[in-house]
Amino acid sequence: MADVVDSMLDLMRRLPPTRTEENVQALIGISPDYADDLLGSVDQPLQLKTDRATGKEYLACDYNRDGESYRSPWSNEYDPPLDDGTVPTPKLRKLEIAANEAFDTYREMYV
């Protein structure tokens, strides 16, 4: 296993950084069993996703990723939908909502 992941990482170091996303997806297509190892080791540009329920944008990154899905902090839903995705506890979710509202208010002050 380590040899395959090491080879994938070595290849990523030699490929153009402007095509990181494409190259990572191509390697995952070739060896889907090593997707988590590769995604956890290769820094990728941040992506913006739009929450389907609220229409608000959010960052798709390792911290809200579960498999190939990303959890929106606005609706607590995964995109693409994931039935058994990890979600925060009710207490933590309440704190997340309060923090999102505070950050939103702060952001609007500078628009």
C-alpha atoms as a PDB file:
ATOM      1  CA  MET A   1       0.000   0.000   0.000  1.00  0.00           C
ATOM      2  CA  ALA A   2       2.681   2.502   0.990  1.00  0.00           C
ATOM      3  CA  ASP A   3       4.492   1.924  -2.292  1.00  0.00           C
ATOM      4  CA  VAL A   4       1.407   2.827  -4.325  1.00  0.00           C
ATOM      5  CA  VAL A   5       0.706   5.979  -2.304  1.00  0.00           C
ATOM      6  CA  ASP A   6       4.382   6.981  -2.396  1.00  0.00           C
ATOM      7  CA  SER A   7       4.398   6.526  -6.175  1.00  0.00           C
ATOM      8  CA  MET A   8       1.246   8.621  -6.534  1.00  0.00           C
ATOM      9  CA  LEU A   9       2.739  11.389  -4.389  1.00  0.00           C
ATOM     10  CA  ASP A  10       6.006  11.241  -6.332  1.00  0.00           C
ATOM     11  CA  LEU A  11       4.054  11.601  -9.557  1.00  0.00           C
ATOM     12  CA  MET A  12       2.105  14.564  -8.156  1.00  0.00           C
ATOM     13  CA  ARG A  13       5.390  16.334  -7.320  1.00  0.00           C
ATOM     14  CA  ARG A  14       6.483  15.996 -10.948  1.00  0.00           C
ATOM     15  CA  LEU A  15       3.221  17.101 -12.576  1.00  0.00           C
ATOM     16  CA  PRO A  16       2.322  20.772 -13.149  1.00  0.00           C
ATOM     17  CA  PRO A  17       0.806  22.349 -10.023  1.00  0.00           C
ATOM     18  CA  THR A  18      -1.681  24.260 -12.168  1.00  0.00           C
ATOM     19  CA  ARG A  19      -3.442  20.964 -12.897  1.00  0.00           C
ATOM     20  CA  THR A  20      -3.440  19.516  -9.386  1.00  0.00           C
ATOM     21  CA  GLU A  21      -7.200  18.962  -9.248  1.00  0.00           C
ATOM     22  CA  GLU A  22      -7.313  17.161 -12.596  1.00  0.00           C
ATOM     23  CA  ASN A  23      -4.306  15.010 -11.747  1.00  0.00           C
ATOM     24  CA  VAL A  24      -5.650  14.016  -8.333  1.00  0.00           C
ATOM     25  CA  GLN A  25      -8.989  13.021  -9.876  1.00  0.00           C
ATOM     26  CA  ALA A  26      -7.197  11.013 -12.577  1.00  0.00           C
ATOM     27  CA  LEU A  27      -5.159   9.134  -9.961  1.00  0.00           C
ATOM     28  CA  ILE A  28      -8.277   8.474  -7.890  1.00  0.00           C
ATOM     29  CA  GLY A  29      -9.929   7.097 -11.031  1.00  0.00           C
ATOM     30  CA  ILE A  30      -7.018   4.707 -11.515  1.00  0.00           C
ATOM     31  CA  SER A  31      -6.744   3.648  -7.844  1.00  0.00           C
ATOM     32  CA  PRO A  32      -9.951   4.517  -5.959  1.00  0.00           C
ATOM     33  CA  ASP A  33      -8.875   2.422  -2.947  1.00  0.00           C
ATOM     34  CA  TYR A  34      -6.193   5.022  -2.178  1.00  0.00           C
ATOM     35  CA  ALA A  35      -8.404   8.110  -2.561  1.00  0.00           C
ATOM     36  CA  ASP A  36      -8.398   8.997   1.146  1.00  0.00           C
ATOM     37  CA  ASP A  37      -4.616   8.652   1.403  1.00  0.00           C
ATOM     38  CA  LEU A  38      -4.076  10.794  -1.672  1.00  0.00           C
ATOM     39  CA  LEU A  39      -6.628  13.456  -0.742  1.00  0.00           C
ATOM     40  CA  GLY A  40      -5.168  13.657   2.752  1.00  0.00           C
ATOM     41  CA  SER A  41      -1.636  14.165   1.436  1.00  0.00           C
ATOM     42  CA  VAL A  42      -2.046  16.515  -1.528  1.00  0.00           C
ATOM     43  CA  ASP A  43      -2.947  20.149  -0.931  1.00  0.00           C
ATOM     44  CA  GLN A  44      -5.566  21.279  -3.399  1.00  0.00           C
ATOM     45  CA  PRO A  45      -6.954  24.730  -4.133  1.00  0.00           C
ATOM     46  CA  LEU A  46     -10.016  25.610  -2.079  1.00  0.00           C
ATOM     47  CA  GLN A  47     -13.326  25.190  -3.871  1.00  0.00           C
ATOM     48  CA  LEU A  48     -16.530  27.111  -3.385  1.00  0.00           C
ATOM     49  CA  LYS A  49     -19.746  25.126  -3.326  1.00  0.00           C
ATOM     50  CA  THR A  50     -23.287  26.427  -3.110  1.00  0.00           C
ATOM     51  CA  ASP A  51     -25.674  24.996  -0.552  1.00  0.00           C
ATOM     52  CA  ARG A  52     -28.737  23.788  -2.451  1.00  0.00           C
ATOM     53  CA  ALA A  53     -31.096  24.448   0.471  1.00  0.00           C
ATOM     54  CA  THR A  54     -29.999  28.005   1.309  1.00  0.00           C
ATOM     55  CA  GLY A  55     -28.213  29.209  -1.818  1.00  0.00           C
ATOM     56  CA  LYS A  56     -25.235  30.328   0.295  1.00  0.00           C
ATOM     57  CA  GLU A  57     -21.654  29.534  -0.640  1.00  0.00           C
ATOM     58  CA  TYR A  58     -19.235  27.580   1.548  1.00  0.00           C
ATOM     59  CA  LEU A  59     -15.685  26.270   1.291  1.00  0.00           C
ATOM     60  CA  ALA A  60     -15.216  22.631   0.348  1.00  0.00           C
ATOM     61  CA  CYS A  61     -12.126  21.375   2.177  1.00  0.00           C
ATOM     62  CA  ASP A  62     -10.790  18.428   4.186  1.00  0.00           C
ATOM     63  CA  TYR A  63     -12.530  19.646   7.339  1.00  0.00           C
ATOM     64  CA  ASN A  64     -16.050  19.214   5.950  1.00  0.00           C
ATOM     65  CA  ARG A  65     -15.355  16.290   3.606  1.00  0.00           C
ATOM     66  CA  ASP A  66     -16.687  12.790   4.133  1.00  0.00           C
ATOM     67  CA  GLY A  67     -15.652  10.519   1.277  1.00  0.00           C
ATOM     68  CA  GLU A  68     -16.422  12.470  -1.885  1.00  0.00           C
ATOM     69  CA  SER A  69     -19.114  14.645  -0.255  1.00  0.00           C
ATOM     70  CA  TYR A  70     -18.878  17.979   1.534  1.00  0.00           C
ATOM     71  CA  ARG A  71     -21.081  19.097   4.450  1.00  0.00           C
ATOM     72  CA  SER A  72     -22.546  22.575   4.234  1.00  0.00           C
ATOM     73  CA  PRO A  73     -22.307  24.564   7.471  1.00  0.00           C
ATOM     74  CA  TRP A  74     -25.522  26.357   6.506  1.00  0.00           C
ATOM     75  CA  SER A  75     -27.942  23.436   6.178  1.00  0.00           C
ATOM     76  CA  ASN A  76     -25.877  20.582   7.664  1.00  0.00           C
ATOM     77  CA  GLU A  77     -26.494  18.579   4.447  1.00  0.00           C
ATOM     78  CA  TYR A  78     -23.940  16.810   2.276  1.00  0.00           C
ATOM     79  CA  ASP A  79     -23.318  17.535  -1.407  1.00  0.00           C
ATOM     80  CA  PRO A  80     -23.584  15.112  -3.118  1.00  0.00           C
ATOM     81  CA  PRO A  81     -26.078  13.649  -0.634  1.00  0.00           C
ATOM     82  CA  LEU A  82     -24.623  11.190   1.869  1.00  0.00           C
ATOM     83  CA  ASP A  83     -26.959   9.160   4.086  1.00  0.00           C
ATOM     84  CA  ASP A  84     -24.506   8.214   6.816  1.00  0.00           C
ATOM     85  CA  GLY A  85     -22.248  11.271   6.819  1.00  0.00           C
ATOM     86  CA  THR A  86     -20.726  12.577  10.033  1.00  0.00           C
ATOM     87  CA  VAL A  87     -22.586  15.550  11.496  1.00  0.00           C
ATOM     88  CA  PRO A  88     -21.888  17.610  14.610  1.00  0.00           C
ATOM     89  CA  THR A  89     -23.665  16.878  17.887  1.00  0.00           C
ATOM     90  CA  PRO A  90     -26.753  19.046  18.532  1.00  0.00           C
ATOM     91  CA  LYS A  91     -24.776  21.189  21.004  1.00  0.00           C
ATOM     92  CA  LEU A  92     -21.910  21.705  18.541  1.00  0.00           C
ATOM     93  CA  ARG A  93     -24.355  22.354  15.682  1.00  0.00           C
ATOM     94  CA  LYS A  94     -26.026  25.089  17.751  1.00  0.00           C
ATOM     95  CA  LEU A  95     -22.607  26.669  18.311  1.00  0.00           C
ATOM     96  CA  GLU A  96     -21.815  26.378  14.588  1.00  0.00           C
ATOM     97  CA  ILE A  97     -25.041  28.186  13.674  1.00  0.00           C
ATOM     98  CA  ALA A  98     -24.284  30.988  16.161  1.00  0.00           C
ATOM     99  CA  ALA A  99     -20.725  31.339  14.818  1.00  0.00           C
ATOM    100  CA  ASN A 100     -21.974  31.431  11.210  1.00  0.00           C
ATOM    101  CA  GLU A 101     -24.438  34.189  12.100  1.00  0.00           C
ATOM    102  CA  ALA A 102     -21.700  36.185  13.860  1.00  0.00           C
ATOM    103  CA  PHE A 103     -19.284  35.807  10.929  1.00  0.00           C
ATOM    104  CA  ASP A 104     -22.053  36.749   8.497  1.00  0.00           C
ATOM    105  CA  THR A 105     -22.807  39.928  10.471  1.00  0.00           C
ATOM    106  CA  TYR A 106     -19.101  40.793  10.602  1.00  0.00           C
ATOM    107  CA  ARG A 107     -18.744  40.201   6.846  1.00  0.00           C
ATOM    108  CA  GLU A 108     -21.756  42.396   6.044  1.00  0.00           C
ATOM    109  CA  MET A 109     -20.197  45.281   7.963  1.00  0.00           C
ATOM    110  CA  TYR A 110     -17.469  45.495   5.314  1.00  0.00           C
ATOM    111  CA  VAL A 111     -19.547  45.120   2.165  1.00  0.00           C
END
